[in-house]
Amino acid sequence: MKFSKQYSGYTSEFTQFIDGLKKKNPALEQSQRDGRALLWDKAPIDLEARQRAQESGVAQQPYVYQTKG
């Protein structure tokens, strides 16, 4: 959002650095998207499979390190 009194010709050193980096490596943005898809974007959850997994779980004793003997 630009204001009327804001100087529009200024670009910061960081913006200049990023623009130069993108010019040197045009595939940079696509590789960032691929990395995000690999690490963060998850497949939709199958609600029926999730419910089956919760129902088929085995109850755990309150203190797992205590033996019953």
PDB file of N, CA and C in Angstrom:
ATOM      1  N   MET A   1       0.852  -1.177   0.000  1.00  0.00           N
ATOM      2  CA  MET A   1       0.000   0.000   0.000  1.00  0.00           C
ATOM      3  C   MET A   1       0.891   1.231   0.000  1.00  0.00           C
ATOM      4  N   LYS A   2       0.723   2.052  -0.976  1.00  0.00           N
ATOM      5  CA  LYS A   2       1.548   3.249  -1.093  1.00  0.00           C
ATOM      6  C   LYS A   2       0.757   4.470  -0.643  1.00  0.00           C
ATOM      7  N   PHE A   3       1.437   5.321   0.085  1.00  0.00           N
ATOM      8  CA  PHE A   3       0.833   6.570   0.514  1.00  0.00           C
ATOM      9  C   PHE A   3       1.309   7.677  -0.415  1.00  0.00           C
ATOM     10  N   SER A   4       0.572   8.743  -0.479  1.00  0.00           N
ATOM     11  CA  SER A   4       0.885   9.809  -1.425  1.00  0.00           C
ATOM     12  C   SER A   4       2.207  10.494  -1.104  1.00  0.00           C
ATOM     13  N   LYS A   5       2.579  10.584   0.177  1.00  0.00           N
ATOM     14  CA  LYS A   5       3.804  11.270   0.553  1.00  0.00           C
ATOM     15  C   LYS A   5       5.021  10.332   0.571  1.00  0.00           C
ATOM     16  N   GLN A   6       4.789   9.050   0.325  1.00  0.00           N
ATOM     17  CA  GLN A   6       5.880   8.079   0.381  1.00  0.00           C
ATOM     18  C   GLN A   6       6.715   8.171  -0.898  1.00  0.00           C
ATOM     19  N   TYR A   7       8.027   8.127  -0.740  1.00  0.00           N
ATOM     20  CA  TYR A   7       8.932   8.172  -1.878  1.00  0.00           C
ATOM     21  C   TYR A   7       8.914   6.816  -2.558  1.00  0.00           C
ATOM     22  N   SER A   8       8.438   6.742  -3.794  1.00  0.00           N
ATOM     23  CA  SER A   8       8.228   5.470  -4.470  1.00  0.00           C
ATOM     24  C   SER A   8       9.473   4.963  -5.199  1.00  0.00           C
ATOM     25  N   GLY A   9      10.516   5.757  -5.332  1.00  0.00           N
ATOM     26  CA  GLY A   9      11.702   5.328  -6.055  1.00  0.00           C
ATOM     27  C   GLY A   9      12.704   4.572  -5.208  1.00  0.00           C
ATOM     28  N   TYR A  10      12.470   4.469  -3.921  1.00  0.00           N
ATOM     29  CA  TYR A  10      13.417   3.829  -3.015  1.00  0.00           C
ATOM     30  C   TYR A  10      13.216   2.323  -2.996  1.00  0.00           C
ATOM     31  N   THR A  11      14.305   1.586  -3.089  1.00  0.00           N
ATOM     32  CA  THR A  11      14.280   0.142  -2.852  1.00  0.00           C
ATOM     33  C   THR A  11      15.386  -0.171  -1.860  1.00  0.00           C
ATOM     34  N   SER A  12      15.060  -0.956  -0.875  1.00  0.00           N
ATOM     35  CA  SER A  12      16.027  -1.269   0.179  1.00  0.00           C
ATOM     36  C   SER A  12      17.109  -2.201  -0.352  1.00  0.00           C
ATOM     37  N   GLU A  13      18.189  -2.308   0.402  1.00  0.00           N
ATOM     38  CA  GLU A  13      19.286  -3.192   0.017  1.00  0.00           C
ATOM     39  C   GLU A  13      18.817  -4.643  -0.006  1.00  0.00           C
ATOM     40  N   PHE A  14      17.954  -4.984   0.918  1.00  0.00           N
ATOM     41  CA  PHE A  14      17.441  -6.353   0.968  1.00  0.00           C
ATOM     42  C   PHE A  14      16.610  -6.669  -0.277  1.00  0.00           C
ATOM     43  N   THR A  15      15.755  -5.735  -0.683  1.00  0.00           N
ATOM     44  CA  THR A  15      14.941  -5.933  -1.884  1.00  0.00           C
ATOM     45  C   THR A  15      15.826  -6.045  -3.115  1.00  0.00           C
ATOM     46  N   GLN A  16      16.867  -5.229  -3.176  1.00  0.00           N
ATOM     47  CA  GLN A  16      17.803  -5.305  -4.292  1.00  0.00           C
ATOM     48  C   GLN A  16      18.525  -6.652  -4.300  1.00  0.00           C
ATOM     49  N   PHE A  17      18.898  -7.138  -3.138  1.00  0.00           N
ATOM     50  CA  PHE A  17      19.568  -8.435  -3.029  1.00  0.00           C
ATOM     51  C   PHE A  17      18.658  -9.560  -3.518  1.00  0.00           C
ATOM     52  N   ILE A  18      17.404  -9.560  -3.064  1.00  0.00           N
ATOM     53  CA  ILE A  18      16.456 -10.606  -3.454  1.00  0.00           C
ATOM     54  C   ILE A  18      16.181 -10.539  -4.956  1.00  0.00           C
ATOM     55  N   ASP A  19      16.001  -9.342  -5.489  1.00  0.00           N
ATOM     56  CA  ASP A  19      15.773  -9.199  -6.932  1.00  0.00           C
ATOM     57  C   ASP A  19      16.970  -9.712  -7.732  1.00  0.00           C
ATOM     58  N   GLY A  20      18.177  -9.412  -7.276  1.00  0.00           N
ATOM     59  CA  GLY A  20      19.377  -9.909  -7.948  1.00  0.00           C
ATOM     60  C   GLY A  20      19.486 -11.424  -7.867  1.00  0.00           C
ATOM     61  N   LEU A  21      19.143 -11.971  -6.721  1.00  0.00           N
ATOM     62  CA  LEU A  21      19.180 -13.421  -6.539  1.00  0.00           C
ATOM     63  C   LEU A  21      18.189 -14.113  -7.470  1.00  0.00           C
ATOM     64  N   LYS A  22      17.001 -13.529  -7.619  1.00  0.00           N
ATOM     65  CA  LYS A  22      15.994 -14.100  -8.520  1.00  0.00           C
ATOM     66  C   LYS A  22      16.423 -13.991  -9.976  1.00  0.00           C
ATOM     67  N   LYS A  23      17.148 -12.926 -10.327  1.00  0.00           N
ATOM     68  CA  LYS A  23      17.625 -12.787 -11.699  1.00  0.00           C
ATOM     69  C   LYS A  23      18.723 -13.809 -12.001  1.00  0.00           C
ATOM     70  N   LYS A  24      19.586 -14.077 -11.013  1.00  0.00           N
ATOM     71  CA  LYS A  24      20.649 -15.065 -11.205  1.00  0.00           C
ATOM     72  C   LYS A  24      20.110 -16.483 -11.289  1.00  0.00           C
ATOM     73  N   ASN A  25      19.072 -16.758 -10.511  1.00  0.00           N
ATOM     74  CA  ASN A  25      18.511 -18.107 -10.458  1.00  0.00           C
ATOM     75  C   ASN A  25      16.995 -18.020 -10.654  1.00  0.00           C
ATOM     76  N   PRO A  26      16.522 -18.066 -11.904  1.00  0.00           N
ATOM     77  CA  PRO A  26      15.081 -17.919 -12.153  1.00  0.00           C
ATOM     78  C   PRO A  26      14.235 -19.062 -11.576  1.00  0.00           C
ATOM     79  N   ALA A  27      14.825 -20.215 -11.340  1.00  0.00           N
ATOM     80  CA  ALA A  27      14.068 -21.363 -10.817  1.00  0.00           C
ATOM     81  C   ALA A  27      13.991 -21.354  -9.298  1.00  0.00           C
ATOM     82  N   LEU A  28      14.452 -20.299  -8.656  1.00  0.00           N
ATOM     83  CA  LEU A  28      14.499 -20.233  -7.196  1.00  0.00           C
ATOM     84  C   LEU A  28      13.106 -20.325  -6.570  1.00  0.00           C
ATOM     85  N   GLU A  29      12.171 -19.574  -7.085  1.00  0.00           N
ATOM     86  CA  GLU A  29      10.822 -19.583  -6.504  1.00  0.00           C
ATOM     87  C   GLU A  29      10.167 -20.945  -6.647  1.00  0.00           C
ATOM     88  N   GLN A  30      10.349 -21.596  -7.804  1.00  0.00           N
ATOM     89  CA  GLN A  30       9.755 -22.914  -7.992  1.00  0.00           C
ATOM     90  C   GLN A  30      10.390 -23.940  -7.058  1.00  0.00           C
ATOM     91  N   SER A  31      11.688 -23.843  -6.837  1.00  0.00           N
ATOM     92  CA  SER A  31      12.337 -24.779  -5.914  1.00  0.00           C
ATOM     93  C   SER A  31      11.874 -24.536  -4.476  1.00  0.00           C
ATOM     94  N   GLN A  32      11.589 -23.286  -4.121  1.00  0.00           N
ATOM     95  CA  GLN A  32      11.036 -22.993  -2.802  1.00  0.00           C
ATOM     96  C   GLN A  32       9.643 -23.603  -2.648  1.00  0.00           C
ATOM     97  N   ARG A  33       8.836 -23.497  -3.698  1.00  0.00           N
ATOM     98  CA  ARG A  33       7.498 -24.096  -3.647  1.00  0.00           C
ATOM     99  C   ARG A  33       7.580 -25.623  -3.529  1.00  0.00           C
ATOM    100  N   ASP A  34       8.519 -26.223  -4.266  1.00  0.00           N
ATOM    101  CA  ASP A  34       8.683 -27.677  -4.194  1.00  0.00           C
ATOM    102  C   ASP A  34       9.122 -28.106  -2.798  1.00  0.00           C
ATOM    103  N   GLY A  35      10.015 -27.361  -2.181  1.00  0.00           N
ATOM    104  CA  GLY A  35      10.465 -27.670  -0.832  1.00  0.00           C
ATOM    105  C   GLY A  35       9.339 -27.528   0.178  1.00  0.00           C
ATOM    106  N   ARG A  36       8.529 -26.533   0.006  1.00  0.00           N
ATOM    107  CA  ARG A  36       7.393 -26.360   0.910  1.00  0.00           C
ATOM    108  C   ARG A  36       6.411 -27.515   0.761  1.00  0.00           C
ATOM    109  N   ALA A  37       6.147 -27.910  -0.477  1.00  0.00           N
ATOM    110  CA  ALA A  37       5.219 -29.018  -0.721  1.00  0.00           C
ATOM    111  C   ALA A  37       5.761 -30.310  -0.116  1.00  0.00           C
ATOM    112  N   LEU A  38       7.055 -30.479  -0.163  1.00  0.00           N
ATOM    113  CA  LEU A  38       7.667 -31.693   0.369  1.00  0.00           C
ATOM    114  C   LEU A  38       7.571 -31.746   1.889  1.00  0.00           C
ATOM    115  N   LEU A  39       7.812 -30.625   2.548  1.00  0.00           N
ATOM    116  CA  LEU A  39       7.900 -30.629   4.006  1.00  0.00           C
ATOM    117  C   LEU A  39       6.621 -30.226   4.728  1.00  0.00           C
ATOM    118  N   TRP A  40       5.825 -29.344   4.160  1.00  0.00           N
ATOM    119  CA  TRP A  40       4.720 -28.760   4.916  1.00  0.00           C
ATOM    120  C   TRP A  40       3.334 -29.110   4.407  1.00  0.00           C
ATOM    121  N   ASP A  41       3.145 -29.139   3.100  1.00  0.00           N
ATOM    122  CA  ASP A  41       1.812 -29.390   2.562  1.00  0.00           C
ATOM    123  C   ASP A  41       1.490 -30.874   2.706  1.00  0.00           C
ATOM    124  N   LYS A  42       0.420 -31.175   3.364  1.00  0.00           N
ATOM    125  CA  LYS A  42       0.033 -32.554   3.654  1.00  0.00           C
ATOM    126  C   LYS A  42      -1.194 -32.947   2.841  1.00  0.00           C
ATOM    127  N   ALA A  43      -1.342 -34.245   2.642  1.00  0.00           N
ATOM    128  CA  ALA A  43      -2.515 -34.773   1.944  1.00  0.00           C
ATOM    129  C   ALA A  43      -3.732 -34.629   2.847  1.00  0.00           C
ATOM    130  N   PRO A  44      -4.913 -34.570   2.265  1.00  0.00           N
ATOM    131  CA  PRO A  44      -6.130 -34.472   3.089  1.00  0.00           C
ATOM    132  C   PRO A  44      -6.267 -35.692   4.007  1.00  0.00           C
ATOM    133  N   ILE A  45      -6.884 -35.465   5.152  1.00  0.00           N
ATOM    134  CA  ILE A  45      -7.048 -36.518   6.147  1.00  0.00           C
ATOM    135  C   ILE A  45      -8.256 -37.371   5.780  1.00  0.00           C
ATOM    136  N   ASP A  46      -8.074 -38.694   5.806  1.00  0.00           N
ATOM    137  CA  ASP A  46      -9.180 -39.618   5.608  1.00  0.00           C
ATOM    138  C   ASP A  46      -9.841 -39.823   6.966  1.00  0.00           C
ATOM    139  N   LEU A  47     -11.022 -39.259   7.135  1.00  0.00           N
ATOM    140  CA  LEU A  47     -11.671 -39.258   8.444  1.00  0.00           C
ATOM    141  C   LEU A  47     -12.058 -40.666   8.898  1.00  0.00           C
ATOM    142  N   GLU A  48     -12.459 -41.518   7.980  1.00  0.00           N
ATOM    143  CA  GLU A  48     -12.837 -42.877   8.354  1.00  0.00           C
ATOM    144  C   GLU A  48     -11.631 -43.668   8.846  1.00  0.00           C
ATOM    145  N   ALA A  49     -10.505 -43.529   8.152  1.00  0.00           N
ATOM    146  CA  ALA A  49      -9.293 -44.231   8.573  1.00  0.00           C
ATOM    147  C   ALA A  49      -8.804 -43.708   9.918  1.00  0.00           C
ATOM    148  N   ARG A  50      -8.930 -42.425  10.148  1.00  0.00           N
ATOM    149  CA  ARG A  50      -8.514 -41.852  11.425  1.00  0.00           C
ATOM    150  C   ARG A  50      -9.390 -42.362  12.571  1.00  0.00           C
ATOM    151  N   GLN A  51     -10.703 -42.443  12.322  1.00  0.00           N
ATOM    152  CA  GLN A  51     -11.613 -42.943  13.351  1.00  0.00           C
ATOM    153  C   GLN A  51     -11.333 -44.417  13.645  1.00  0.00           C
ATOM    154  N   ARG A  52     -11.080 -45.233  12.616  1.00  0.00           N
ATOM    155  CA  ARG A  52     -10.744 -46.644  12.824  1.00  0.00           C
ATOM    156  C   ARG A  52      -9.478 -46.784  13.644  1.00  0.00           C
ATOM    157  N   ALA A  53      -8.480 -45.958  13.369  1.00  0.00           N
ATOM    158  CA  ALA A  53      -7.219 -46.027  14.110  1.00  0.00           C
ATOM    159  C   ALA A  53      -7.425 -45.655  15.577  1.00  0.00           C
ATOM    160  N   GLN A  54      -8.252 -44.650  15.848  1.00  0.00           N
ATOM    161  CA  GLN A  54      -8.513 -44.256  17.232  1.00  0.00           C
ATOM    162  C   GLN A  54      -9.285 -45.332  17.981  1.00  0.00           C
ATOM    163  N   GLU A  55     -10.230 -45.956  17.314  1.00  0.00           N
ATOM    164  CA  GLU A  55     -11.035 -46.984  17.962  1.00  0.00           C
ATOM    165  C   GLU A  55     -10.259 -48.276  18.191  1.00  0.00           C
ATOM    166  N   SER A  56      -9.268 -48.552  17.355  1.00  0.00           N
ATOM    167  CA  SER A  56      -8.534 -49.813  17.485  1.00  0.00           C
ATOM    168  C   SER A  56      -7.317 -49.681  18.392  1.00  0.00           C
ATOM    169  N   GLY A  57      -7.118 -48.542  19.000  1.00  0.00           N
ATOM    170  CA  GLY A  57      -5.975 -48.342  19.889  1.00  0.00           C
ATOM    171  C   GLY A  57      -6.112 -49.145  21.174  1.00  0.00           C
ATOM    172  N   VAL A  58      -4.990 -49.510  21.756  1.00  0.00           N
ATOM    173  CA  VAL A  58      -4.969 -50.268  23.007  1.00  0.00           C
ATOM    174  C   VAL A  58      -4.809 -49.277  24.156  1.00  0.00           C
ATOM    175  N   ALA A  59      -5.605 -49.456  25.201  1.00  0.00           N
ATOM    176  CA  ALA A  59      -5.529 -48.562  26.352  1.00  0.00           C
ATOM    177  C   ALA A  59      -4.189 -48.732  27.058  1.00  0.00           C
ATOM    178  N   GLN A  60      -3.606 -47.645  27.470  1.00  0.00           N
ATOM    179  CA  GLN A  60      -2.305 -47.657  28.129  1.00  0.00           C
ATOM    180  C   GLN A  60      -2.516 -47.451  29.624  1.00  0.00           C
ATOM    181  N   GLN A  61      -1.698 -48.145  30.411  1.00  0.00           N
ATOM    182  CA  GLN A  61      -1.820 -47.966  31.858  1.00  0.00           C
ATOM    183  C   GLN A  61      -1.333 -46.572  32.249  1.00  0.00           C
ATOM    184  N   PRO A  62      -1.822 -46.027  33.370  1.00  0.00           N
ATOM    185  CA  PRO A  62      -1.529 -44.646  33.737  1.00  0.00           C
ATOM    186  C   PRO A  62      -0.034 -44.349  33.858  1.00  0.00           C
ATOM    187  N   TYR A  63       0.727 -45.246  34.455  1.00  0.00           N
ATOM    188  CA  TYR A  63       2.167 -45.011  34.614  1.00  0.00           C
ATOM    189  C   TYR A  63       2.865 -46.134  33.872  1.00  0.00           C
ATOM    190  N   VAL A  64       3.402 -45.823  32.714  1.00  0.00           N
ATOM    191  CA  VAL A  64       3.886 -46.878  31.830  1.00  0.00           C
ATOM    192  C   VAL A  64       5.124 -47.601  32.322  1.00  0.00           C
ATOM    193  N   TYR A  65       5.884 -47.026  33.227  1.00  0.00           N
ATOM    194  CA  TYR A  65       7.124 -47.643  33.677  1.00  0.00           C
ATOM    195  C   TYR A  65       6.918 -48.559  34.885  1.00  0.00           C
ATOM    196  N   GLN A  66       5.752 -48.554  35.442  1.00  0.00           N
ATOM    197  CA  GLN A  66       5.479 -49.390  36.616  1.00  0.00           C
ATOM    198  C   GLN A  66       5.007 -50.759  36.142  1.00  0.00           C
ATOM    199  N   THR A  67       5.639 -51.798  36.671  1.00  0.00           N
ATOM    200  CA  THR A  67       5.211 -53.161  36.326  1.00  0.00           C
ATOM    201  C   THR A  67       4.117 -53.585  37.276  1.00  0.00           C
ATOM    202  N   LYS A  68       3.350 -54.593  36.890  1.00  0.00           N
ATOM    203  CA  LYS A  68       2.226 -55.022  37.702  1.00  0.00           C
ATOM    204  C   LYS A  68       2.635 -56.134  38.664  1.00  0.00           C
ATOM    205  N   GLY A  69       3.866 -56.378  38.882  1.00  0.00           N
ATOM    206  CA  GLY A  69       4.309 -57.490  39.706  1.00  0.00           C
ATOM    207  C   GLY A  69       4.734 -57.045  41.004  1.00  0.00           C
TER     208      GLY A  69
END
